[in-house]
């Protein structure tokens, strides 16, 4: 780590994750958690009774779309170039 004479980090050394990308990562994790919550439920307490609630729109369409959106947010947060506001 190159230091200048006043013991501050050199300008060429920057953090890999900026504050904006960290916010995107936290948002992506929240979206992923929401998608997995949408997947939950739909089971039956009695194994002899079949419950068709597990094949509804929320579990088959909405939850996978939300999970993929969360993964896209994570990729953007990691790979994206964000300008620092100073």
C-alpha atoms as a PDB file:
ATOM      1  CA  UNK A   1       0.000   0.000   0.000  1.00  0.00           C
ATOM      2  CA  UNK A   2       1.673   3.167  -1.182  1.00  0.00           C
ATOM      3  CA  UNK A   3       1.462   6.060   1.254  1.00  0.00           C
ATOM      4  CA  UNK A   4       2.125   9.705   0.629  1.00  0.00           C
ATOM      5  CA  UNK A   5       4.285  11.824   2.908  1.00  0.00           C
ATOM      6  CA  UNK A   6       1.310  12.877   5.046  1.00  0.00           C
ATOM      7  CA  UNK A   7       0.438   9.210   5.787  1.00  0.00           C
ATOM      8  CA  UNK A   8      -2.716   9.146   3.612  1.00  0.00           C
ATOM      9  CA  UNK A   9      -3.454   6.400   1.066  1.00  0.00           C
ATOM     10  CA  UNK A  10      -2.382   7.102  -2.488  1.00  0.00           C
ATOM     11  CA  UNK A  11      -5.120   8.326  -4.876  1.00  0.00           C
ATOM     12  CA  UNK A  12      -4.491   5.388  -7.207  1.00  0.00           C
ATOM     13  CA  UNK A  13      -5.657   2.931  -4.537  1.00  0.00           C
ATOM     14  CA  UNK A  14      -9.422   2.755  -4.378  1.00  0.00           C
ATOM     15  CA  UNK A  15     -11.810   0.415  -2.652  1.00  0.00           C
ATOM     16  CA  UNK A  16     -13.239  -2.337  -4.812  1.00  0.00           C
ATOM     17  CA  UNK A  17     -16.744  -1.653  -3.522  1.00  0.00           C
ATOM     18  CA  UNK A  18     -17.978   1.905  -3.235  1.00  0.00           C
ATOM     19  CA  UNK A  19     -20.746   3.016  -0.912  1.00  0.00           C
ATOM     20  CA  UNK A  20     -23.202   3.023  -3.815  1.00  0.00           C
ATOM     21  CA  UNK A  21     -22.320  -0.523  -4.841  1.00  0.00           C
ATOM     22  CA  UNK A  22     -22.634  -1.648  -1.233  1.00  0.00           C
ATOM     23  CA  UNK A  23     -26.154  -0.200  -1.142  1.00  0.00           C
ATOM     24  CA  UNK A  24     -26.931  -2.092  -4.357  1.00  0.00           C
ATOM     25  CA  UNK A  25     -25.636  -5.309  -2.762  1.00  0.00           C
ATOM     26  CA  UNK A  26     -27.827  -4.855   0.309  1.00  0.00           C
ATOM     27  CA  UNK A  27     -30.838  -4.117  -1.914  1.00  0.00           C
ATOM     28  CA  UNK A  28     -30.082  -7.227  -3.976  1.00  0.00           C
ATOM     29  CA  UNK A  29     -29.920  -9.364  -0.843  1.00  0.00           C
ATOM     30  CA  UNK A  30     -33.264  -7.942   0.306  1.00  0.00           C
ATOM     31  CA  UNK A  31     -34.840  -8.711  -3.091  1.00  0.00           C
ATOM     32  CA  UNK A  32     -33.422 -12.255  -2.973  1.00  0.00           C
ATOM     33  CA  UNK A  33     -34.830 -12.770   0.523  1.00  0.00           C
ATOM     34  CA  UNK A  34     -38.226 -11.503  -0.644  1.00  0.00           C
ATOM     35  CA  UNK A  35     -38.147 -13.957  -3.556  1.00  0.00           C
ATOM     36  CA  UNK A  36     -37.394 -16.889  -1.289  1.00  0.00           C
ATOM     37  CA  UNK A  37     -40.184 -15.798   1.062  1.00  0.00           C
ATOM     38  CA  UNK A  38     -42.550 -15.819  -1.929  1.00  0.00           C
ATOM     39  CA  UNK A  39     -41.527 -19.435  -2.593  1.00  0.00           C
ATOM     40  CA  UNK A  40     -42.368 -20.610   0.921  1.00  0.00           C
ATOM     41  CA  UNK A  41     -45.558 -22.314   2.008  1.00  0.00           C
ATOM     42  CA  UNK A  42     -48.077 -24.348   0.090  1.00  0.00           C
ATOM     43  CA  UNK A  43     -47.404 -27.619   1.844  1.00  0.00           C
ATOM     44  CA  UNK A  44     -49.906 -29.936   3.449  1.00  0.00           C
ATOM     45  CA  UNK A  45     -49.840 -31.290   6.981  1.00  0.00           C
ATOM     46  CA  UNK A  46     -51.396 -34.569   5.862  1.00  0.00           C
ATOM     47  CA  UNK A  47     -49.216 -36.469   3.345  1.00  0.00           C
ATOM     48  CA  UNK A  48     -52.314 -38.233   1.968  1.00  0.00           C
ATOM     49  CA  UNK A  49     -53.948 -34.954   0.906  1.00  0.00           C
ATOM     50  CA  UNK A  50     -52.596 -33.175  -2.174  1.00  0.00           C
ATOM     51  CA  UNK A  51     -52.595 -29.383  -1.977  1.00  0.00           C
ATOM     52  CA  UNK A  52     -52.842 -27.524  -5.301  1.00  0.00           C
ATOM     53  CA  UNK A  53     -51.805 -24.261  -3.595  1.00  0.00           C
ATOM     54  CA  UNK A  54     -48.188 -25.098  -4.349  1.00  0.00           C
ATOM     55  CA  UNK A  55     -48.831 -24.526  -8.063  1.00  0.00           C
ATOM     56  CA  UNK A  56     -50.125 -20.964  -7.898  1.00  0.00           C
ATOM     57  CA  UNK A  57     -48.845 -17.908  -9.775  1.00  0.00           C
ATOM     58  CA  UNK A  58     -46.849 -16.633  -6.801  1.00  0.00           C
ATOM     59  CA  UNK A  59     -44.628 -19.717  -6.547  1.00  0.00           C
ATOM     60  CA  UNK A  60     -44.290 -20.586 -10.243  1.00  0.00           C
ATOM     61  CA  UNK A  61     -43.908 -17.144 -11.817  1.00  0.00           C
ATOM     62  CA  UNK A  62     -43.547 -14.241  -9.376  1.00  0.00           C
ATOM     63  CA  UNK A  63     -40.973 -15.746  -7.004  1.00  0.00           C
ATOM     64  CA  UNK A  64     -38.498 -16.868  -9.708  1.00  0.00           C
ATOM     65  CA  UNK A  65     -38.725 -13.455 -11.406  1.00  0.00           C
ATOM     66  CA  UNK A  66     -38.015 -11.697  -8.097  1.00  0.00           C
ATOM     67  CA  UNK A  67     -35.075 -14.032  -7.384  1.00  0.00           C
ATOM     68  CA  UNK A  68     -33.568 -13.433 -10.836  1.00  0.00           C
ATOM     69  CA  UNK A  69     -33.999  -9.674 -10.314  1.00  0.00           C
ATOM     70  CA  UNK A  70     -32.093  -9.988  -7.034  1.00  0.00           C
ATOM     71  CA  UNK A  71     -29.281 -11.875  -8.750  1.00  0.00           C
ATOM     72  CA  UNK A  72     -29.121  -9.210 -11.474  1.00  0.00           C
ATOM     73  CA  UNK A  73     -28.866  -6.522  -8.772  1.00  0.00           C
ATOM     74  CA  UNK A  74     -25.995  -8.400  -7.157  1.00  0.00           C
ATOM     75  CA  UNK A  75     -24.150  -8.704 -10.482  1.00  0.00           C
ATOM     76  CA  UNK A  76     -24.649  -4.999 -11.178  1.00  0.00           C
ATOM     77  CA  UNK A  77     -23.411  -4.146  -7.681  1.00  0.00           C
ATOM     78  CA  UNK A  78     -20.257  -6.218  -8.123  1.00  0.00           C
ATOM     79  CA  UNK A  79     -19.452  -5.547 -11.780  1.00  0.00           C
ATOM     80  CA  UNK A  80     -20.829  -2.021 -12.225  1.00  0.00           C
ATOM     81  CA  UNK A  81     -18.695   1.086 -12.291  1.00  0.00           C
ATOM     82  CA  UNK A  82     -20.165   3.768 -10.071  1.00  0.00           C
ATOM     83  CA  UNK A  83     -18.934   7.329  -9.846  1.00  0.00           C
ATOM     84  CA  UNK A  84     -18.051   8.591  -6.406  1.00  0.00           C
ATOM     85  CA  UNK A  85     -19.889  11.697  -5.296  1.00  0.00           C
ATOM     86  CA  UNK A  86     -17.377  14.131  -3.818  1.00  0.00           C
END
